[in-house]
Amino acid sequence: MSASPPARQHNTSDRRPTRLLTQNSELKPLGVWNWSLPAWAGRLADGRTYNTCPSAGICRFVCYARSGTYRFPAVKARHEANLAFVLDDPAGWEAAMNRELSTPRFTDRWIRIHDAGDFFSDDYTRAWLRIIRSHPRIMFYAYTKEVARFRRLIEPDPPENFLWVYSYGGTQDTSLDPTADRVADVFPDEDSIAVAGWSSQEASDLLAVLGPRLVGIPANRIPHFLKRLNGRRFSEWQTEVDAERADRRARSRRARLRAVGDTTGRSAEPSPLRRAA
């Protein structure tokens, strides 16, 4: 189970967290506990690189978990210690998570898997499925952009105590079906959510999985994030980026074909005309 295959063995037992689940300022009033990884890409203290959000798209440019308190050295170090535990001793991490969840404080409570990070590998996702099934009296939920992985590993036989919502702004947006999937999109503000006919989860994060299927999230009010969002929804911004990328690929392909044609002295483009039989 690895976000980036380690080149050698790493002994990080001296900095493993003693507690795995915490409560951030948004979730604590709801009685929700959360598990966190460092958001998106970075480098651990031992030099290894990682990407905990392999399907992140435009969301990485305005990610709330890459700003504010998440960047405080102590918070960042804790999240990276969580990831190092998962990478270096997956069986030990799974056992530690099961032990912690077995304590009475979590019975009949909600756990949000990842207020930062995502299900970055199949092995890691399978480990969470085993953990979830081992604790039927605890409810788990998550936002994810790992659509293909969930289609393969979770949708065919989901645990009854696990709910999720697919969130726009990732590289797999085109595989989402808002008429069938539970989906979340970030909007510029509450008014734009209402105009679109979506339901806001602003009152409670749990509405993302317990409320109506089309989930609207008002954008973080960080000024430079709002400037980059430029009045768009995440889904709209991602669609623009995908179209620009497709156009660049098409232009690059046409340029290569022209170059081949120039080299061979004839057009590399197939003729639209066919000789009659």
C-alpha atoms as a PDB file:
ATOM      1  CA  MET A   1       0.000   0.000   0.000  1.00  0.00           C
ATOM      2  CA  SER A   2       1.879   3.046  -1.143  1.00  0.00           C
ATOM      3  CA  ALA A   3       1.248   6.566  -2.383  1.00  0.00           C
ATOM      4  CA  SER A   4       4.719   6.574  -3.912  1.00  0.00           C
ATOM      5  CA  PRO A   5       6.688   3.293  -3.828  1.00  0.00           C
ATOM      6  CA  PRO A   6       9.454   3.631  -1.220  1.00  0.00           C
ATOM      7  CA  ALA A   7      12.966   2.965  -2.435  1.00  0.00           C
ATOM      8  CA  ARG A   8      14.034   1.539   0.921  1.00  0.00           C
ATOM      9  CA  GLN A   9      12.700   0.549   4.328  1.00  0.00           C
ATOM     10  CA  HIS A  10      11.877   3.404   6.680  1.00  0.00           C
ATOM     11  CA  ASN A  11      11.701   3.200  10.442  1.00  0.00           C
ATOM     12  CA  THR A  12       9.178   5.781  11.555  1.00  0.00           C
ATOM     13  CA  SER A  13       7.826   4.054  14.677  1.00  0.00           C
ATOM     14  CA  ASP A  14       9.288   6.812  16.853  1.00  0.00           C
ATOM     15  CA  ARG A  15       6.966   9.388  15.278  1.00  0.00           C
ATOM     16  CA  ARG A  16       3.780   7.405  14.860  1.00  0.00           C
ATOM     17  CA  PRO A  17       0.754   9.207  16.259  1.00  0.00           C
ATOM     18  CA  THR A  18      -0.632   7.844  19.497  1.00  0.00           C
ATOM     19  CA  ARG A  19      -4.149   8.942  18.509  1.00  0.00           C
ATOM     20  CA  LEU A  20      -5.393   8.580  14.952  1.00  0.00           C
ATOM     21  CA  LEU A  21      -8.794  10.275  15.063  1.00  0.00           C
ATOM     22  CA  THR A  22      -9.298  13.934  15.902  1.00  0.00           C
ATOM     23  CA  GLN A  23     -12.038  16.577  15.686  1.00  0.00           C
ATOM     24  CA  ASN A  24     -11.565  19.747  13.681  1.00  0.00           C
ATOM     25  CA  SER A  25     -13.398  22.999  14.405  1.00  0.00           C
ATOM     26  CA  GLU A  26     -16.065  22.324  11.754  1.00  0.00           C
ATOM     27  CA  LEU A  27     -16.862  18.739  12.736  1.00  0.00           C
ATOM     28  CA  LYS A  28     -16.499  18.873  16.520  1.00  0.00           C
ATOM     29  CA  PRO A  29     -19.848  20.671  17.093  1.00  0.00           C
ATOM     30  CA  LEU A  30     -21.511  17.836  15.144  1.00  0.00           C
ATOM     31  CA  GLY A  31     -19.850  15.163  17.252  1.00  0.00           C
ATOM     32  CA  VAL A  32     -18.037  13.890  14.154  1.00  0.00           C
ATOM     33  CA  TRP A  33     -14.508  12.525  14.358  1.00  0.00           C
ATOM     34  CA  ASN A  34     -12.120  12.634  11.415  1.00  0.00           C
ATOM     35  CA  TRP A  35      -9.048  10.955   9.968  1.00  0.00           C
ATOM     36  CA  SER A  36      -6.624  13.161   8.056  1.00  0.00           C
ATOM     37  CA  LEU A  37      -3.790  12.779   5.606  1.00  0.00           C
ATOM     38  CA  PRO A  38      -1.742  15.584   4.085  1.00  0.00           C
ATOM     39  CA  ALA A  39      -3.655  17.029   1.154  1.00  0.00           C
ATOM     40  CA  TRP A  40      -2.551  16.301  -2.416  1.00  0.00           C
ATOM     41  CA  ALA A  41       1.210  16.157  -3.102  1.00  0.00           C
ATOM     42  CA  GLY A  42       4.239  16.792  -0.969  1.00  0.00           C
ATOM     43  CA  ARG A  43       7.413  15.389   0.501  1.00  0.00           C
ATOM     44  CA  LEU A  44       7.827  13.556   3.777  1.00  0.00           C
ATOM     45  CA  ALA A  45      10.629  14.454   6.156  1.00  0.00           C
ATOM     46  CA  ASP A  46      12.660  11.446   4.964  1.00  0.00           C
ATOM     47  CA  GLY A  47      12.558  12.665   1.354  1.00  0.00           C
ATOM     48  CA  ARG A  48       9.828  10.455  -0.070  1.00  0.00           C
ATOM     49  CA  THR A  49       7.280  12.162  -2.278  1.00  0.00           C
ATOM     50  CA  TYR A  50       3.574  11.398  -2.078  1.00  0.00           C
ATOM     51  CA  ASN A  51       0.253  12.162  -3.709  1.00  0.00           C
ATOM     52  CA  THR A  52      -2.723  11.361  -1.528  1.00  0.00           C
ATOM     53  CA  CYS A  53      -5.211  12.791  -4.063  1.00  0.00           C
ATOM     54  CA  PRO A  54      -4.216  11.179  -7.383  1.00  0.00           C
ATOM     55  CA  SER A  55      -7.462  12.208  -9.098  1.00  0.00           C
ATOM     56  CA  ALA A  56      -7.382  15.832  -7.971  1.00  0.00           C
ATOM     57  CA  GLY A  57      -8.006  18.324 -10.749  1.00  0.00           C
ATOM     58  CA  ILE A  58      -8.614  22.035 -10.359  1.00  0.00           C
ATOM     59  CA  CYS A  59      -9.515  21.473  -6.699  1.00  0.00           C
ATOM     60  CA  ARG A  60      -5.810  21.410  -5.832  1.00  0.00           C
ATOM     61  CA  PHE A  61      -5.511  25.104  -6.709  1.00  0.00           C
ATOM     62  CA  VAL A  62      -8.101  26.174  -4.128  1.00  0.00           C
ATOM     63  CA  CYS A  63      -7.958  23.331  -1.598  1.00  0.00           C
ATOM     64  CA  TYR A  64      -8.940  24.444   1.895  1.00  0.00           C
ATOM     65  CA  ALA A  65      -6.735  21.670   3.321  1.00  0.00           C
ATOM     66  CA  ARG A  66      -3.671  23.311   1.785  1.00  0.00           C
ATOM     67  CA  SER A  67      -4.239  26.609   3.558  1.00  0.00           C
ATOM     68  CA  GLY A  68      -4.852  28.112   6.980  1.00  0.00           C
ATOM     69  CA  THR A  69      -4.435  25.884  10.018  1.00  0.00           C
ATOM     70  CA  TYR A  70      -3.637  22.874   7.834  1.00  0.00           C
ATOM     71  CA  ARG A  71      -0.297  24.545   7.020  1.00  0.00           C
ATOM     72  CA  PHE A  72       0.670  25.057  10.654  1.00  0.00           C
ATOM     73  CA  PRO A  73       3.892  23.054  11.202  1.00  0.00           C
ATOM     74  CA  ALA A  74       2.440  20.915  14.004  1.00  0.00           C
ATOM     75  CA  VAL A  75      -0.727  20.103  12.027  1.00  0.00           C
ATOM     76  CA  LYS A  76       1.182  19.337   8.825  1.00  0.00           C
ATOM     77  CA  ALA A  77       3.618  17.115  10.739  1.00  0.00           C
ATOM     78  CA  ARG A  78       0.752  15.186  12.331  1.00  0.00           C
ATOM     79  CA  HIS A  79      -0.923  14.528   8.995  1.00  0.00           C
ATOM     80  CA  GLU A  80       2.353  13.425   7.438  1.00  0.00           C
ATOM     81  CA  ALA A  81       2.963  11.118  10.412  1.00  0.00           C
ATOM     82  CA  ASN A  82      -0.452   9.561   9.729  1.00  0.00           C
ATOM     83  CA  LEU A  83       0.540   8.937   6.118  1.00  0.00           C
ATOM     84  CA  ALA A  84       3.962   7.542   7.050  1.00  0.00           C
ATOM     85  CA  PHE A  85       2.255   5.075   9.410  1.00  0.00           C
ATOM     86  CA  VAL A  86      -0.030   3.882   6.594  1.00  0.00           C
ATOM     87  CA  LEU A  87       2.846   3.529   4.120  1.00  0.00           C
ATOM     88  CA  ASP A  88       5.447   1.960   6.380  1.00  0.00           C
ATOM     89  CA  ASP A  89       3.300  -0.398   8.432  1.00  0.00           C
ATOM     90  CA  PRO A  90      -0.132  -0.828   6.838  1.00  0.00           C
ATOM     91  CA  ALA A  91      -1.014  -3.825   8.993  1.00  0.00           C
ATOM     92  CA  GLY A  92       0.067  -1.985  12.137  1.00  0.00           C
ATOM     93  CA  TRP A  93      -1.916   1.098  11.127  1.00  0.00           C
ATOM     94  CA  GLU A  94      -5.031  -0.983  10.460  1.00  0.00           C
ATOM     95  CA  ALA A  95      -4.703  -2.724  13.836  1.00  0.00           C
ATOM     96  CA  ALA A  96      -4.189   0.618  15.598  1.00  0.00           C
ATOM     97  CA  MET A  97      -7.241   2.112  13.890  1.00  0.00           C
ATOM     98  CA  ASN A  98      -9.347  -0.901  14.895  1.00  0.00           C
ATOM     99  CA  ARG A  99      -8.169  -0.634  18.511  1.00  0.00           C
ATOM    100  CA  GLU A 100      -9.002   3.052  18.675  1.00  0.00           C
ATOM    101  CA  LEU A 101     -12.432   2.597  17.110  1.00  0.00           C
ATOM    102  CA  SER A 102     -13.210  -0.172  19.603  1.00  0.00           C
ATOM    103  CA  THR A 103     -13.226   2.303  22.496  1.00  0.00           C
ATOM    104  CA  PRO A 104     -16.694   3.312  23.762  1.00  0.00           C
ATOM    105  CA  ARG A 105     -16.382   6.974  22.747  1.00  0.00           C
ATOM    106  CA  PHE A 106     -16.935   6.056  19.070  1.00  0.00           C
ATOM    107  CA  THR A 107     -19.972   3.807  19.478  1.00  0.00           C
ATOM    108  CA  ASP A 108     -22.940   5.172  17.514  1.00  0.00           C
ATOM    109  CA  ARG A 109     -20.848   8.106  16.286  1.00  0.00           C
ATOM    110  CA  TRP A 110     -19.830   9.346  12.846  1.00  0.00           C
ATOM    111  CA  ILE A 111     -16.309   9.187  11.397  1.00  0.00           C
ATOM    112  CA  ARG A 112     -15.353  11.283   8.375  1.00  0.00           C
ATOM    113  CA  ILE A 113     -12.612   9.507   6.468  1.00  0.00           C
ATOM    114  CA  HIS A 114     -10.349  12.271   5.132  1.00  0.00           C
ATOM    115  CA  ASP A 115     -11.055  15.861   5.891  1.00  0.00           C
ATOM    116  CA  ALA A 116      -7.856  16.032   3.825  1.00  0.00           C
ATOM    117  CA  GLY A 117      -6.496  13.435   1.406  1.00  0.00           C
ATOM    118  CA  ASP A 118      -8.343  10.679  -0.453  1.00  0.00           C
ATOM    119  CA  PHE A 119      -8.391   6.926  -1.085  1.00  0.00           C
ATOM    120  CA  PHE A 120      -5.041   6.958  -2.873  1.00  0.00           C
ATOM    121  CA  SER A 121      -4.627   3.226  -3.600  1.00  0.00           C
ATOM    122  CA  ASP A 122      -6.594  -0.006  -3.882  1.00  0.00           C
ATOM    123  CA  ASP A 123      -4.839  -1.561  -0.878  1.00  0.00           C
ATOM    124  CA  TYR A 124      -5.541   1.458   1.300  1.00  0.00           C
ATOM    125  CA  THR A 125      -9.191   1.465   0.229  1.00  0.00           C
ATOM    126  CA  ARG A 126      -9.541  -2.244   0.967  1.00  0.00           C
ATOM    127  CA  ALA A 127      -8.046  -1.679   4.417  1.00  0.00           C
ATOM    128  CA  TRP A 128     -10.710   0.939   5.130  1.00  0.00           C
ATOM    129  CA  LEU A 129     -13.422  -1.444   3.954  1.00  0.00           C
ATOM    130  CA  ARG A 130     -12.198  -4.055   6.436  1.00  0.00           C
ATOM    131  CA  ILE A 131     -12.112  -1.461   9.205  1.00  0.00           C
ATOM    132  CA  ILE A 132     -15.621  -0.213   8.410  1.00  0.00           C
ATOM    133  CA  ARG A 133     -17.086  -3.725   8.340  1.00  0.00           C
ATOM    134  CA  SER A 134     -15.441  -4.477  11.702  1.00  0.00           C
ATOM    135  CA  HIS A 135     -17.350  -1.655  13.414  1.00  0.00           C
ATOM    136  CA  PRO A 136     -21.030  -1.914  12.450  1.00  0.00           C
ATOM    137  CA  ARG A 137     -22.109   0.421  15.269  1.00  0.00           C
ATOM    138  CA  ILE A 138     -20.074   3.297  13.853  1.00  0.00           C
ATOM    139  CA  MET A 139     -21.118   5.276  10.785  1.00  0.00           C
ATOM    140  CA  PHE A 140     -18.426   6.305   8.306  1.00  0.00           C
ATOM    141  CA  TYR A 141     -18.616   8.769   5.431  1.00  0.00           C
ATOM    142  CA  ALA A 142     -16.335  10.402   2.892  1.00  0.00           C
ATOM    143  CA  TYR A 143     -16.064  12.785  -0.015  1.00  0.00           C
ATOM    144  CA  THR A 144     -13.991  11.331  -2.839  1.00  0.00           C
ATOM    145  CA  LYS A 145     -12.778  12.006  -6.356  1.00  0.00           C
ATOM    146  CA  GLU A 146     -11.626   8.389  -6.788  1.00  0.00           C
ATOM    147  CA  VAL A 147     -14.658   7.497  -8.878  1.00  0.00           C
ATOM    148  CA  ALA A 148     -13.225   4.545 -10.812  1.00  0.00           C
ATOM    149  CA  ARG A 149     -11.779   2.992  -7.653  1.00  0.00           C
ATOM    150  CA  PHE A 150     -15.124   3.245  -5.862  1.00  0.00           C
ATOM    151  CA  ARG A 151     -16.970   1.838  -8.872  1.00  0.00           C
ATOM    152  CA  ARG A 152     -14.709  -1.247  -8.732  1.00  0.00           C
ATOM    153  CA  LEU A 153     -14.164  -1.803  -5.030  1.00  0.00           C
ATOM    154  CA  ILE A 154     -17.099  -0.318  -3.157  1.00  0.00           C
ATOM    155  CA  GLU A 155     -20.223   0.122  -5.264  1.00  0.00           C
ATOM    156  CA  PRO A 156     -20.686  -3.634  -5.965  1.00  0.00           C
ATOM    157  CA  ASP A 157     -20.974  -4.444  -2.227  1.00  0.00           C
ATOM    158  CA  PRO A 158     -20.899  -1.355   0.011  1.00  0.00           C
ATOM    159  CA  PRO A 159     -20.872  -1.698   3.802  1.00  0.00           C
ATOM    160  CA  GLU A 160     -24.203  -0.642   5.302  1.00  0.00           C
ATOM    161  CA  ASN A 161     -22.447   1.790   7.655  1.00  0.00           C
ATOM    162  CA  PHE A 162     -20.512   3.652   4.941  1.00  0.00           C
ATOM    163  CA  LEU A 163     -21.866   6.577   2.909  1.00  0.00           C
ATOM    164  CA  TRP A 164     -19.998   8.654   0.358  1.00  0.00           C
ATOM    165  CA  VAL A 165     -20.412  11.521  -2.046  1.00  0.00           C
ATOM    166  CA  TYR A 166     -18.453  12.033  -5.267  1.00  0.00           C
ATOM    167  CA  SER A 167     -17.066  15.541  -5.488  1.00  0.00           C
ATOM    168  CA  TYR A 168     -16.505  17.543  -8.660  1.00  0.00           C
ATOM    169  CA  GLY A 169     -13.224  19.217  -9.507  1.00  0.00           C
ATOM    170  CA  GLY A 170     -11.239  16.072 -10.291  1.00  0.00           C
ATOM    171  CA  THR A 171      -9.816  14.334 -13.319  1.00  0.00           C
ATOM    172  CA  GLN A 172     -12.671  11.790 -13.332  1.00  0.00           C
ATOM    173  CA  ASP A 173     -15.539  14.301 -13.441  1.00  0.00           C
ATOM    174  CA  THR A 174     -16.726  13.069 -16.833  1.00  0.00           C
ATOM    175  CA  SER A 175     -17.562   9.658 -15.370  1.00  0.00           C
ATOM    176  CA  LEU A 176     -20.020  11.158 -12.880  1.00  0.00           C
ATOM    177  CA  ASP A 177     -23.755  11.030 -13.544  1.00  0.00           C
ATOM    178  CA  PRO A 178     -25.620  13.657 -11.503  1.00  0.00           C
ATOM    179  CA  THR A 179     -28.922  11.949 -12.335  1.00  0.00           C
ATOM    180  CA  ALA A 180     -27.798   8.784 -10.546  1.00  0.00           C
ATOM    181  CA  ASP A 181     -24.735   9.523  -8.374  1.00  0.00           C
ATOM    182  CA  ARG A 182     -24.678  11.471  -5.134  1.00  0.00           C
ATOM    183  CA  VAL A 183     -22.445  14.381  -6.110  1.00  0.00           C
ATOM    184  CA  ALA A 184     -21.048  17.499  -4.471  1.00  0.00           C
ATOM    185  CA  ASP A 185     -20.015  20.660  -6.286  1.00  0.00           C
ATOM    186  CA  VAL A 186     -18.387  23.791  -4.901  1.00  0.00           C
ATOM    187  CA  PHE A 187     -20.321  26.960  -5.778  1.00  0.00           C
ATOM    188  CA  PRO A 188     -19.249  30.598  -5.504  1.00  0.00           C
ATOM    189  CA  ASP A 189     -21.796  31.241  -2.719  1.00  0.00           C
ATOM    190  CA  GLU A 190     -25.048  30.113  -1.115  1.00  0.00           C
ATOM    191  CA  ASP A 191     -27.198  32.076  -3.565  1.00  0.00           C
ATOM    192  CA  SER A 192     -25.736  30.266  -6.568  1.00  0.00           C
ATOM    193  CA  ILE A 193     -26.470  26.920  -4.897  1.00  0.00           C
ATOM    194  CA  ALA A 194     -30.123  27.871  -4.493  1.00  0.00           C
ATOM    195  CA  VAL A 195     -30.390  29.189  -8.059  1.00  0.00           C
ATOM    196  CA  ALA A 196     -29.047  25.880  -9.400  1.00  0.00           C
ATOM    197  CA  GLY A 197     -31.638  23.952  -7.393  1.00  0.00           C
ATOM    198  CA  TRP A 198     -29.033  22.109  -5.323  1.00  0.00           C
ATOM    199  CA  SER A 199     -29.088  21.661  -1.539  1.00  0.00           C
ATOM    200  CA  SER A 200     -26.427  23.249   0.624  1.00  0.00           C
ATOM    201  CA  GLN A 201     -24.534  21.287   3.261  1.00  0.00           C
ATOM    202  CA  GLU A 202     -23.449  24.488   5.017  1.00  0.00           C
ATOM    203  CA  ALA A 203     -25.644  23.797   8.065  1.00  0.00           C
ATOM    204  CA  SER A 204     -24.048  20.388   8.657  1.00  0.00           C
ATOM    205  CA  ASP A 205     -21.348  18.428   6.869  1.00  0.00           C
ATOM    206  CA  LEU A 206     -23.467  15.308   7.361  1.00  0.00           C
ATOM    207  CA  LEU A 207     -25.981  16.698   4.874  1.00  0.00           C
ATOM    208  CA  ALA A 208     -23.468  15.766   2.183  1.00  0.00           C
ATOM    209  CA  VAL A 209     -24.470  12.130   2.704  1.00  0.00           C
ATOM    210  CA  LEU A 210     -27.826  12.413   4.495  1.00  0.00           C
ATOM    211  CA  GLY A 211     -29.500  15.237   2.586  1.00  0.00           C
ATOM    212  CA  PRO A 212     -30.669  15.490  -1.045  1.00  0.00           C
ATOM    213  CA  ARG A 213     -28.444  13.847  -3.657  1.00  0.00           C
ATOM    214  CA  LEU A 214     -27.203  17.085  -5.315  1.00  0.00           C
ATOM    215  CA  VAL A 215     -24.937  18.662  -2.726  1.00  0.00           C
ATOM    216  CA  GLY A 216     -23.836  22.297  -2.932  1.00  0.00           C
ATOM    217  CA  ILE A 217     -20.820  23.548  -1.002  1.00  0.00           C
ATOM    218  CA  PRO A 218     -20.243  27.305  -0.729  1.00  0.00           C
ATOM    219  CA  ALA A 219     -16.681  28.255  -1.640  1.00  0.00           C
ATOM    220  CA  ASN A 220     -14.159  29.020   1.045  1.00  0.00           C
ATOM    221  CA  ARG A 221     -14.060  32.809   1.497  1.00  0.00           C
ATOM    222  CA  ILE A 222     -10.276  33.090   1.098  1.00  0.00           C
ATOM    223  CA  PRO A 223      -9.866  36.075  -1.262  1.00  0.00           C
ATOM    224  CA  HIS A 224      -7.250  34.614  -3.607  1.00  0.00           C
ATOM    225  CA  PHE A 225      -9.241  31.371  -3.840  1.00  0.00           C
ATOM    226  CA  LEU A 226     -12.357  33.305  -4.822  1.00  0.00           C
ATOM    227  CA  LYS A 227     -10.340  35.197  -7.426  1.00  0.00           C
ATOM    228  CA  ARG A 228      -9.215  31.932  -9.034  1.00  0.00           C
ATOM    229  CA  LEU A 229     -12.718  30.479  -8.879  1.00  0.00           C
ATOM    230  CA  ASN A 230     -13.911  33.556 -10.784  1.00  0.00           C
ATOM    231  CA  GLY A 231     -17.620  32.961 -10.229  1.00  0.00           C
ATOM    232  CA  ARG A 232     -17.532  29.368 -11.505  1.00  0.00           C
ATOM    233  CA  ARG A 233     -18.543  26.077  -9.962  1.00  0.00           C
ATOM    234  CA  PHE A 234     -15.795  23.485  -9.595  1.00  0.00           C
ATOM    235  CA  SER A 235     -17.485  21.380 -12.272  1.00  0.00           C
ATOM    236  CA  GLU A 236     -17.512  24.310 -14.710  1.00  0.00           C
ATOM    237  CA  TRP A 237     -13.881  25.169 -14.071  1.00  0.00           C
ATOM    238  CA  GLN A 238     -12.825  21.524 -14.490  1.00  0.00           C
ATOM    239  CA  THR A 239     -14.790  21.285 -17.753  1.00  0.00           C
ATOM    240  CA  GLU A 240     -12.938  24.331 -19.072  1.00  0.00           C
ATOM    241  CA  VAL A 241      -9.565  22.864 -18.125  1.00  0.00           C
ATOM    242  CA  ASP A 242     -10.448  19.485 -19.679  1.00  0.00           C
ATOM    243  CA  ALA A 243     -11.511  21.180 -22.927  1.00  0.00           C
ATOM    244  CA  GLU A 244      -8.301  23.222 -23.070  1.00  0.00           C
ATOM    245  CA  ARG A 245      -6.217  20.093 -22.465  1.00  0.00           C
ATOM    246  CA  ALA A 246      -8.082  18.186 -25.187  1.00  0.00           C
ATOM    247  CA  ASP A 247      -7.547  21.063 -27.606  1.00  0.00           C
ATOM    248  CA  ARG A 248      -3.809  21.120 -26.872  1.00  0.00           C
ATOM    249  CA  ARG A 249      -3.582  17.372 -27.453  1.00  0.00           C
ATOM    250  CA  ALA A 250      -5.459  17.685 -30.750  1.00  0.00           C
ATOM    251  CA  ARG A 251      -3.207  20.526 -31.937  1.00  0.00           C
ATOM    252  CA  SER A 252      -0.117  18.563 -30.914  1.00  0.00           C
ATOM    253  CA  ARG A 253      -1.330  15.512 -32.823  1.00  0.00           C
ATOM    254  CA  ARG A 254      -2.006  17.577 -35.947  1.00  0.00           C
ATOM    255  CA  ALA A 255       1.465  19.110 -35.694  1.00  0.00           C
ATOM    256  CA  ARG A 256       3.076  15.651 -35.456  1.00  0.00           C
ATOM    257  CA  LEU A 257       1.120  14.437 -38.462  1.00  0.00           C
ATOM    258  CA  ARG A 258       2.180  17.475 -40.480  1.00  0.00           C
ATOM    259  CA  ALA A 259       5.795  16.849 -39.487  1.00  0.00           C
ATOM    260  CA  VAL A 260       5.555  13.229 -40.635  1.00  0.00           C
ATOM    261  CA  GLY A 261       4.013  14.394 -43.904  1.00  0.00           C
ATOM    262  CA  ASP A 262       6.836  16.892 -44.452  1.00  0.00           C
ATOM    263  CA  THR A 263       9.446  14.187 -43.813  1.00  0.00           C
ATOM    264  CA  THR A 264       7.933  11.605 -46.153  1.00  0.00           C
ATOM    265  CA  GLY A 265       6.965  14.104 -48.830  1.00  0.00           C
ATOM    266  CA  ARG A 266       3.297  13.190 -48.615  1.00  0.00           C
ATOM    267  CA  SER A 267       0.432  13.954 -46.322  1.00  0.00           C
ATOM    268  CA  ALA A 268       0.196  11.803 -43.217  1.00  0.00           C
ATOM    269  CA  GLU A 269      -3.503  12.565 -42.903  1.00  0.00           C
ATOM    270  CA  PRO A 270      -5.676   9.730 -44.255  1.00  0.00           C
ATOM    271  CA  SER A 271      -7.549  10.645 -47.401  1.00  0.00           C
ATOM    272  CA  PRO A 272     -11.275  10.997 -46.946  1.00  0.00           C
ATOM    273  CA  LEU A 273     -11.749   9.510 -50.429  1.00  0.00           C
ATOM    274  CA  ARG A 274     -11.705   5.791 -51.125  1.00  0.00           C
ATOM    275  CA  ARG A 275     -11.215   4.178 -54.528  1.00  0.00           C
ATOM    276  CA  ALA A 276     -14.449   2.616 -55.704  1.00  0.00           C
ATOM    277  CA  ALA A 277     -14.352  -1.174 -55.714  1.00  0.00           C
END
